[in-house]
PDB file of N, CA and C in Angstrom:
ATOM      1  N   UNK A   1      95.501  41.939  15.355  1.00  0.00           N
ATOM      2  CA  UNK A   1      94.605  40.950  14.771  1.00  0.00           C
ATOM      3  C   UNK A   1      93.167  41.186  15.242  1.00  0.00           C
ATOM      4  N   UNK A   2      93.041  41.493  16.528  1.00  0.00           N
ATOM      5  CA  UNK A   2      91.718  41.724  17.104  1.00  0.00           C
ATOM      6  C   UNK A   2      91.052  42.937  16.467  1.00  0.00           C
ATOM      7  N   UNK A   3      91.833  43.994  16.231  1.00  0.00           N
ATOM      8  CA  UNK A   3      91.290  45.212  15.606  1.00  0.00           C
ATOM      9  C   UNK A   3      90.860  44.944  14.165  1.00  0.00           C
ATOM     10  N   UNK A   4      91.608  44.110  13.475  1.00  0.00           N
ATOM     11  CA  UNK A   4      91.269  43.771  12.099  1.00  0.00           C
ATOM     12  C   UNK A   4      89.931  43.032  12.044  1.00  0.00           C
ATOM     13  N   UNK A   5      89.724  42.127  12.990  1.00  0.00           N
ATOM     14  CA  UNK A   5      88.471  41.376  13.060  1.00  0.00           C
ATOM     15  C   UNK A   5      87.294  42.318  13.332  1.00  0.00           C
ATOM     16  N   UNK A   6      87.467  43.251  14.258  1.00  0.00           N
ATOM     17  CA  UNK A   6      86.404  44.201  14.589  1.00  0.00           C
ATOM     18  C   UNK A   6      86.099  45.094  13.387  1.00  0.00           C
ATOM     19  N   UNK A   7      87.134  45.544  12.685  1.00  0.00           N
ATOM     20  CA  UNK A   7      86.934  46.389  11.504  1.00  0.00           C
ATOM     21  C   UNK A   7      86.187  45.627  10.417  1.00  0.00           C
ATOM     22  N   UNK A   8      86.538  44.354  10.223  1.00  0.00           N
ATOM     23  CA  UNK A   8      85.863  43.544   9.206  1.00  0.00           C
ATOM     24  C   UNK A   8      84.396  43.334   9.576  1.00  0.00           C
ATOM     25  N   UNK A   9      84.121  43.068  10.843  1.00  0.00           N
ATOM     26  CA  UNK A   9      82.742  42.866  11.292  1.00  0.00           C
ATOM     27  C   UNK A   9      81.929  44.148  11.114  1.00  0.00           C
ATOM     28  N   UNK A  10      82.522  45.290  11.443  1.00  0.00           N
ATOM     29  CA  UNK A  10      81.825  46.570  11.286  1.00  0.00           C
ATOM     30  C   UNK A  10      81.528  46.845   9.818  1.00  0.00           C
ATOM     31  N   UNK A  11      82.454  46.521   8.943  1.00  0.00           N
ATOM     32  CA  UNK A  11      82.247  46.727   7.509  1.00  0.00           C
ATOM     33  C   UNK A  11      81.112  45.846   6.998  1.00  0.00           C
ATOM     34  N   UNK A  12      81.048  44.602   7.468  1.00  0.00           N
ATOM     35  CA  UNK A  12      79.988  43.689   7.032  1.00  0.00           C
ATOM     36  C   UNK A  12      78.621  44.198   7.476  1.00  0.00           C
ATOM     37  N   UNK A  13      78.548  44.718   8.698  1.00  0.00           N
ATOM     38  CA  UNK A  13      77.280  45.258   9.188  1.00  0.00           C
ATOM     39  C   UNK A  13      76.876  46.470   8.359  1.00  0.00           C
ATOM     40  N   UNK A  14      77.825  47.318   8.022  1.00  0.00           N
ATOM     41  CA  UNK A  14      77.536  48.504   7.206  1.00  0.00           C
ATOM     42  C   UNK A  14      77.030  48.108   5.829  1.00  0.00           C
ATOM     43  N   UNK A  15      77.679  47.121   5.203  1.00  0.00           N
ATOM     44  CA  UNK A  15      77.247  46.666   3.882  1.00  0.00           C
ATOM     45  C   UNK A  15      75.854  46.052   3.946  1.00  0.00           C
ATOM     46  N   UNK A  16      75.561  45.311   5.011  1.00  0.00           N
ATOM     47  CA  UNK A  16      74.234  44.708   5.158  1.00  0.00           C
ATOM     48  C   UNK A  16      73.169  45.795   5.282  1.00  0.00           C
ATOM     49  N   UNK A  17      73.474  46.845   6.022  1.00  0.00           N
ATOM     50  CA  UNK A  17      72.511  47.944   6.169  1.00  0.00           C
ATOM     51  C   UNK A  17      72.269  48.630   4.831  1.00  0.00           C
ATOM     52  N   UNK A  18      73.325  48.839   4.062  1.00  0.00           N
ATOM     53  CA  UNK A  18      73.172  49.456   2.743  1.00  0.00           C
ATOM     54  C   UNK A  18      72.378  48.556   1.807  1.00  0.00           C
ATOM     55  N   UNK A  19      72.612  47.261   1.869  1.00  0.00           N
ATOM     56  CA  UNK A  19      71.886  46.321   1.011  1.00  0.00           C
ATOM     57  C   UNK A  19      70.402  46.333   1.352  1.00  0.00           C
ATOM     58  N   UNK A  20      70.069  46.406   2.639  1.00  0.00           N
ATOM     59  CA  UNK A  20      68.668  46.455   3.047  1.00  0.00           C
ATOM     60  C   UNK A  20      67.975  47.681   2.482  1.00  0.00           C
ATOM     61  N   UNK A  21      68.646  48.806   2.471  1.00  0.00           N
ATOM     62  CA  UNK A  21      68.055  50.017   1.914  1.00  0.00           C
ATOM     63  C   UNK A  21      67.825  49.856   0.420  1.00  0.00           C
ATOM     64  N   UNK A  22      68.708  49.144  -0.235  1.00  0.00           N
ATOM     65  CA  UNK A  22      68.586  48.950  -1.679  1.00  0.00           C
ATOM     66  C   UNK A  22      67.354  48.119  -2.028  1.00  0.00           C
ATOM     67  N   UNK A  23      67.042  47.110  -1.230  1.00  0.00           N
ATOM     68  CA  UNK A  23      65.934  46.214  -1.541  1.00  0.00           C
ATOM     69  C   UNK A  23      64.616  46.640  -0.907  1.00  0.00           C
ATOM     70  N   UNK A  24      64.615  47.697  -0.119  1.00  0.00           N
ATOM     71  CA  UNK A  24      63.385  48.181   0.502  1.00  0.00           C
ATOM     72  C   UNK A  24      63.137  49.624   0.079  1.00  0.00           C
ATOM     73  N   UNK A  25      62.641  49.817  -1.122  1.00  0.00           N
ATOM     74  CA  UNK A  25      62.419  51.187  -1.599  1.00  0.00           C
ATOM     75  C   UNK A  25      61.288  51.853  -0.824  1.00  0.00           C
ATOM     76  N   UNK A  26      61.346  53.161  -0.749  1.00  0.00           N
ATOM     77  CA  UNK A  26      60.307  53.938  -0.092  1.00  0.00           C
ATOM     78  C   UNK A  26      59.160  54.110  -1.082  1.00  0.00           C
ATOM     79  N   UNK A  27      58.083  53.358  -0.877  1.00  0.00           N
ATOM     80  CA  UNK A  27      56.949  53.370  -1.800  1.00  0.00           C
ATOM     81  C   UNK A  27      55.726  53.879  -1.060  1.00  0.00           C
ATOM     82  N   UNK A  28      55.005  54.773  -1.677  1.00  0.00           N
ATOM     83  CA  UNK A  28      53.775  55.291  -1.095  1.00  0.00           C
ATOM     84  C   UNK A  28      52.610  54.804  -1.939  1.00  0.00           C
ATOM     85  N   UNK A  29      51.641  54.165  -1.296  1.00  0.00           N
ATOM     86  CA  UNK A  29      50.463  53.659  -1.990  1.00  0.00           C
ATOM     87  C   UNK A  29      49.251  54.373  -1.418  1.00  0.00           C
ATOM     88  N   UNK A  30      48.543  55.065  -2.256  1.00  0.00           N
ATOM     89  CA  UNK A  30      47.334  55.765  -1.821  1.00  0.00           C
ATOM     90  C   UNK A  30      46.145  54.821  -1.922  1.00  0.00           C
ATOM     91  N   UNK A  31      45.528  54.549  -0.775  1.00  0.00           N
ATOM     92  CA  UNK A  31      44.378  53.655  -0.713  1.00  0.00           C
ATOM     93  C   UNK A  31      43.207  54.447  -0.152  1.00  0.00           C
ATOM     94  N   UNK A  32      42.061  54.404  -0.821  1.00  0.00           N
ATOM     95  CA  UNK A  32      40.912  55.153  -0.307  1.00  0.00           C
ATOM     96  C   UNK A  32      40.432  54.573   1.022  1.00  0.00           C
ATOM     97  N   UNK A  33      39.889  55.401   1.926  1.00  0.00           N
ATOM     98  CA  UNK A  33      39.454  54.922   3.235  1.00  0.00           C
ATOM     99  C   UNK A  33      38.334  53.893   3.163  1.00  0.00           C
ATOM    100  N   UNK A  34      37.590  53.850   2.057  1.00  0.00           N
ATOM    101  CA  UNK A  34      36.497  52.880   1.937  1.00  0.00           C
ATOM    102  C   UNK A  34      37.001  51.444   1.994  1.00  0.00           C
ATOM    103  N   UNK A  35      38.256  51.245   1.633  1.00  0.00           N
ATOM    104  CA  UNK A  35      38.821  49.895   1.643  1.00  0.00           C
ATOM    105  C   UNK A  35      38.867  49.349   3.061  1.00  0.00           C
ATOM    106  N   UNK A  36      39.083  50.224   4.047  1.00  0.00           N
ATOM    107  CA  UNK A  36      39.262  49.782   5.422  1.00  0.00           C
ATOM    108  C   UNK A  36      38.026  49.928   6.293  1.00  0.00           C
ATOM    109  N   UNK A  37      36.955  50.471   5.779  1.00  0.00           N
ATOM    110  CA  UNK A  37      35.741  50.622   6.579  1.00  0.00           C
ATOM    111  C   UNK A  37      34.557  50.067   5.807  1.00  0.00           C
ATOM    112  N   UNK A  38      33.590  49.568   6.550  1.00  0.00           N
ATOM    113  CA  UNK A  38      32.407  49.007   5.899  1.00  0.00           C
ATOM    114  C   UNK A  38      31.455  50.111   5.462  1.00  0.00           C
ATOM    115  N   UNK A  39      31.493  51.258   6.104  1.00  0.00           N
ATOM    116  CA  UNK A  39      30.674  52.436   5.792  1.00  0.00           C
ATOM    117  C   UNK A  39      29.240  52.075   5.391  1.00  0.00           C
ATOM    118  N   UNK A  40      28.567  51.381   6.288  1.00  0.00           N
ATOM    119  CA  UNK A  40      27.167  51.075   6.061  1.00  0.00           C
ATOM    120  C   UNK A  40      26.904  49.805   5.282  1.00  0.00           C
ATOM    121  N   UNK A  41      27.934  49.137   4.810  1.00  0.00           N
ATOM    122  CA  UNK A  41      27.721  47.899   4.067  1.00  0.00           C
ATOM    123  C   UNK A  41      27.459  46.759   5.039  1.00  0.00           C
ATOM    124  N   UNK A  42      26.744  45.776   4.586  1.00  0.00           N
ATOM    125  CA  UNK A  42      26.439  44.615   5.419  1.00  0.00           C
ATOM    126  C   UNK A  42      27.678  43.756   5.595  1.00  0.00           C
ATOM    127  N   UNK A  43      27.716  43.019   6.703  1.00  0.00           N
ATOM    128  CA  UNK A  43      28.840  42.124   6.972  1.00  0.00           C
ATOM    129  C   UNK A  43      28.865  41.003   5.942  1.00  0.00           C
ATOM    130  N   UNK A  44      30.048  40.531   5.635  1.00  0.00           N
ATOM    131  CA  UNK A  44      30.191  39.442   4.680  1.00  0.00           C
ATOM    132  C   UNK A  44      29.606  38.159   5.271  1.00  0.00           C
ATOM    133  N   UNK A  45      28.997  37.297   4.440  1.00  0.00           N
ATOM    134  CA  UNK A  45      28.462  36.038   4.952  1.00  0.00           C
ATOM    135  C   UNK A  45      29.583  35.181   5.523  1.00  0.00           C
ATOM    136  N   UNK A  46      29.254  34.453   6.569  1.00  0.00           N
ATOM    137  CA  UNK A  46      30.263  33.649   7.260  1.00  0.00           C
ATOM    138  C   UNK A  46      29.673  32.274   7.552  1.00  0.00           C
ATOM    139  N   UNK A  47      30.369  31.212   7.143  1.00  0.00           N
ATOM    140  CA  UNK A  47      29.870  29.853   7.359  1.00  0.00           C
ATOM    141  C   UNK A  47      30.030  29.397   8.796  1.00  0.00           C
ATOM    142  N   UNK A  48      31.048  29.863   9.471  1.00  0.00           N
ATOM    143  CA  UNK A  48      31.323  29.435  10.839  1.00  0.00           C
ATOM    144  C   UNK A  48      31.083  30.582  11.813  1.00  0.00           C
ATOM    145  N   UNK A  49      29.961  31.264  11.673  1.00  0.00           N
ATOM    146  CA  UNK A  49      29.640  32.400  12.532  1.00  0.00           C
ATOM    147  C   UNK A  49      28.179  32.350  12.943  1.00  0.00           C
ATOM    148  N   UNK A  50      27.894  33.008  14.061  1.00  0.00           N
ATOM    149  CA  UNK A  50      26.522  33.329  14.423  1.00  0.00           C
ATOM    150  C   UNK A  50      26.317  34.784  14.020  1.00  0.00           C
ATOM    151  N   UNK A  51      25.107  35.117  13.602  1.00  0.00           N
ATOM    152  CA  UNK A  51      24.837  36.478  13.142  1.00  0.00           C
ATOM    153  C   UNK A  51      23.751  37.090  14.018  1.00  0.00           C
ATOM    154  N   UNK A  52      23.988  38.335  14.453  1.00  0.00           N
ATOM    155  CA  UNK A  52      22.987  39.091  15.202  1.00  0.00           C
ATOM    156  C   UNK A  52      23.105  40.548  14.791  1.00  0.00           C
ATOM    157  N   UNK A  53      22.011  41.125  14.344  1.00  0.00           N
ATOM    158  CA  UNK A  53      21.955  42.511  13.884  1.00  0.00           C
ATOM    159  C   UNK A  53      23.070  42.818  12.881  1.00  0.00           C
ATOM    160  N   UNK A  54      23.171  41.979  11.869  1.00  0.00           N
ATOM    161  CA  UNK A  54      24.153  42.132  10.784  1.00  0.00           C
ATOM    162  C   UNK A  54      25.606  42.128  11.260  1.00  0.00           C
ATOM    163  N   UNK A  55      25.881  41.525  12.403  1.00  0.00           N
ATOM    164  CA  UNK A  55      27.251  41.388  12.914  1.00  0.00           C
ATOM    165  C   UNK A  55      27.576  39.906  13.019  1.00  0.00           C
ATOM    166  N   UNK A  56      28.788  39.533  12.620  1.00  0.00           N
ATOM    167  CA  UNK A  56      29.236  38.146  12.723  1.00  0.00           C
ATOM    168  C   UNK A  56      29.898  37.918  14.073  1.00  0.00           C
ATOM    169  N   UNK A  57      29.588  36.788  14.698  1.00  0.00           N
ATOM    170  CA  UNK A  57      30.176  36.413  15.985  1.00  0.00           C
ATOM    171  C   UNK A  57      30.761  35.016  15.859  1.00  0.00           C
ATOM    172  N   UNK A  58      31.905  34.796  16.477  1.00  0.00           N
ATOM    173  CA  UNK A  58      32.560  33.495  16.404  1.00  0.00           C
ATOM    174  C   UNK A  58      32.076  32.595  17.540  1.00  0.00           C
ATOM    175  N   UNK A  59      32.452  31.329  17.452  1.00  0.00           N
ATOM    176  CA  UNK A  59      32.059  30.340  18.451  1.00  0.00           C
ATOM    177  C   UNK A  59      32.507  30.781  19.840  1.00  0.00           C
ATOM    178  N   UNK A  60      31.580  30.698  20.804  1.00  0.00           N
ATOM    179  CA  UNK A  60      31.885  31.076  22.177  1.00  0.00           C
ATOM    180  C   UNK A  60      31.441  32.479  22.536  1.00  0.00           C
ATOM    181  N   UNK A  61      31.105  33.299  21.543  1.00  0.00           N
ATOM    182  CA  UNK A  61      30.686  34.677  21.812  1.00  0.00           C
ATOM    183  C   UNK A  61      29.386  34.680  22.610  1.00  0.00           C
ATOM    184  N   UNK A  62      29.270  35.620  23.545  1.00  0.00           N
ATOM    185  CA  UNK A  62      28.065  35.763  24.361  1.00  0.00           C
ATOM    186  C   UNK A  62      27.531  37.177  24.160  1.00  0.00           C
ATOM    187  N   UNK A  63      26.225  37.262  23.892  1.00  0.00           N
ATOM    188  CA  UNK A  63      25.583  38.571  23.737  1.00  0.00           C
ATOM    189  C   UNK A  63      24.324  38.601  24.591  1.00  0.00           C
ATOM    190  N   UNK A  64      23.817  39.795  24.833  1.00  0.00           N
ATOM    191  CA  UNK A  64      22.551  39.954  25.539  1.00  0.00           C
ATOM    192  C   UNK A  64      21.560  40.547  24.555  1.00  0.00           C
ATOM    193  N   UNK A  65      20.509  39.797  24.255  1.00  0.00           N
ATOM    194  CA  UNK A  65      19.495  40.234  23.295  1.00  0.00           C
ATOM    195  C   UNK A  65      18.148  40.275  24.000  1.00  0.00           C
ATOM    196  N   UNK A  66      17.591  41.456  24.123  1.00  0.00           N
ATOM    197  CA  UNK A  66      16.294  41.652  24.780  1.00  0.00           C
ATOM    198  C   UNK A  66      16.279  41.035  26.171  1.00  0.00           C
ATOM    199  N   UNK A  67      17.364  41.216  26.914  1.00  0.00           N
ATOM    200  CA  UNK A  67      17.454  40.728  28.288  1.00  0.00           C
ATOM    201  C   UNK A  67      17.816  39.260  28.421  1.00  0.00           C
ATOM    202  N   UNK A  68      18.047  38.573  27.313  1.00  0.00           N
ATOM    203  CA  UNK A  68      18.376  37.144  27.337  1.00  0.00           C
ATOM    204  C   UNK A  68      19.827  36.959  26.910  1.00  0.00           C
ATOM    205  N   UNK A  69      20.584  36.183  27.690  1.00  0.00           N
ATOM    206  CA  UNK A  69      21.966  35.882  27.313  1.00  0.00           C
ATOM    207  C   UNK A  69      21.987  34.746  26.304  1.00  0.00           C
ATOM    208  N   UNK A  70      22.704  34.961  25.202  1.00  0.00           N
ATOM    209  CA  UNK A  70      22.842  33.948  24.156  1.00  0.00           C
ATOM    210  C   UNK A  70      24.314  33.684  23.914  1.00  0.00           C
ATOM    211  N   UNK A  71      24.641  32.411  23.645  1.00  0.00           N
ATOM    212  CA  UNK A  71      26.020  32.049  23.324  1.00  0.00           C
ATOM    213  C   UNK A  71      26.053  31.359  21.972  1.00  0.00           C
ATOM    214  N   UNK A  72      27.061  31.707  21.178  1.00  0.00           N
ATOM    215  CA  UNK A  72      27.255  31.106  19.864  1.00  0.00           C
ATOM    216  C   UNK A  72      27.930  29.750  20.059  1.00  0.00           C
ATOM    217  N   UNK A  73      27.234  28.671  19.656  1.00  0.00           N
ATOM    218  CA  UNK A  73      27.738  27.312  19.879  1.00  0.00           C
ATOM    219  C   UNK A  73      27.565  26.467  18.622  1.00  0.00           C
ATOM    220  N   UNK A  74      28.292  25.358  18.585  1.00  0.00           N
ATOM    221  CA  UNK A  74      28.142  24.403  17.475  1.00  0.00           C
ATOM    222  C   UNK A  74      26.807  23.683  17.594  1.00  0.00           C
ATOM    223  N   UNK A  75      26.234  23.366  16.459  1.00  0.00           N
ATOM    224  CA  UNK A  75      24.986  22.611  16.418  1.00  0.00           C
ATOM    225  C   UNK A  75      25.333  21.134  16.309  1.00  0.00           C
ATOM    226  N   UNK A  76      25.179  20.398  17.411  1.00  0.00           N
ATOM    227  CA  UNK A  76      25.552  18.970  17.420  1.00  0.00           C
ATOM    228  C   UNK A  76      24.654  18.131  16.520  1.00  0.00           C
ATOM    229  N   UNK A  77      23.467  18.617  16.216  1.00  0.00           N
ATOM    230  CA  UNK A  77      22.523  17.851  15.400  1.00  0.00           C
ATOM    231  C   UNK A  77      22.888  17.858  13.923  1.00  0.00           C
ATOM    232  N   UNK A  78      23.764  18.744  13.521  1.00  0.00           N
ATOM    233  CA  UNK A  78      24.133  18.870  12.114  1.00  0.00           C
ATOM    234  C   UNK A  78      25.486  18.229  11.873  1.00  0.00           C
ATOM    235  N   UNK A  79      25.578  17.417  10.827  1.00  0.00           N
ATOM    236  CA  UNK A  79      26.840  16.772  10.478  1.00  0.00           C
ATOM    237  C   UNK A  79      27.633  17.656   9.526  1.00  0.00           C
ATOM    238  N   UNK A  80      28.847  17.310   9.302  1.00  0.00           N
ATOM    239  CA  UNK A  80      29.795  17.949   8.369  1.00  0.00           C
ATOM    240  C   UNK A  80      30.394  19.220   8.938  1.00  0.00           C
ATOM    241  N   UNK A  81      30.007  20.389   8.454  1.00  0.00           N
ATOM    242  CA  UNK A  81      30.731  21.616   8.795  1.00  0.00           C
ATOM    243  C   UNK A  81      30.409  22.168  10.178  1.00  0.00           C
ATOM    244  N   UNK A  82      29.489  21.570  10.900  1.00  0.00           N
ATOM    245  CA  UNK A  82      29.096  22.045  12.226  1.00  0.00           C
ATOM    246  C   UNK A  82      28.788  23.538  12.257  1.00  0.00           C
ATOM    247  N   UNK A  83      27.700  23.944  11.614  1.00  0.00           N
ATOM    248  CA  UNK A  83      27.364  25.366  11.659  1.00  0.00           C
ATOM    249  C   UNK A  83      27.089  25.810  13.097  1.00  0.00           C
ATOM    250  N   UNK A  84      27.216  27.100  13.335  1.00  0.00           N
ATOM    251  CA  UNK A  84      27.027  27.641  14.672  1.00  0.00           C
ATOM    252  C   UNK A  84      25.616  28.192  14.825  1.00  0.00           C
ATOM    253  N   UNK A  85      25.084  28.080  16.047  1.00  0.00           N
ATOM    254  CA  UNK A  85      23.737  28.567  16.352  1.00  0.00           C
ATOM    255  C   UNK A  85      23.772  29.307  17.688  1.00  0.00           C
ATOM    256  N   UNK A  86      22.779  30.175  17.898  1.00  0.00           N
ATOM    257  CA  UNK A  86      22.644  30.851  19.190  1.00  0.00           C
ATOM    258  C   UNK A  86      21.895  29.937  20.142  1.00  0.00           C
ATOM    259  N   UNK A  87      22.408  29.792  21.373  1.00  0.00           N
ATOM    260  CA  UNK A  87      21.735  29.014  22.416  1.00  0.00           C
ATOM    261  C   UNK A  87      21.609  29.887  23.659  1.00  0.00           C
ATOM    262  N   UNK A  88      20.474  29.753  24.333  1.00  0.00           N
ATOM    263  CA  UNK A  88      20.234  30.528  25.559  1.00  0.00           C
ATOM    264  C   UNK A  88      21.185  30.062  26.661  1.00  0.00           C
ATOM    265  N   UNK A  89      21.759  31.023  27.377  1.00  0.00           N
ATOM    266  CA  UNK A  89      22.651  30.728  28.501  1.00  0.00           C
ATOM    267  C   UNK A  89      21.849  30.925  29.774  1.00  0.00           C
ATOM    268  N   UNK A  90      21.822  29.894  30.610  1.00  0.00           N
ATOM    269  CA  UNK A  90      21.089  30.005  31.871  1.00  0.00           C
ATOM    270  C   UNK A  90      21.953  30.744  32.889  1.00  0.00           C
ATOM    271  N   UNK A  91      21.378  31.776  33.525  1.00  0.00           N
ATOM    272  CA  UNK A  91      22.158  32.555  34.507  1.00  0.00           C
ATOM    273  C   UNK A  91      22.484  31.769  35.761  1.00  0.00           C
TER     274      UNK A  91
END
């Protein structure tokens, strides 16, 4: 009885593996490299980002610009979407 159970379980696993191969065809999609690289294009506009030298930065990001540390923070003075602004970080 025990051997019959093991044989049945092994058969089910084999059938499942075959079924997976049936539903997952080997497909090759040729995509040009330009799709994955900006290649000199400007960054996309971002509503919840700080921008420096055409790069988008998220809230909390810290950069050094001309020797000054800046952090991307929410603008408390603005209502609704809370746009982000650069604020000087004191060392």
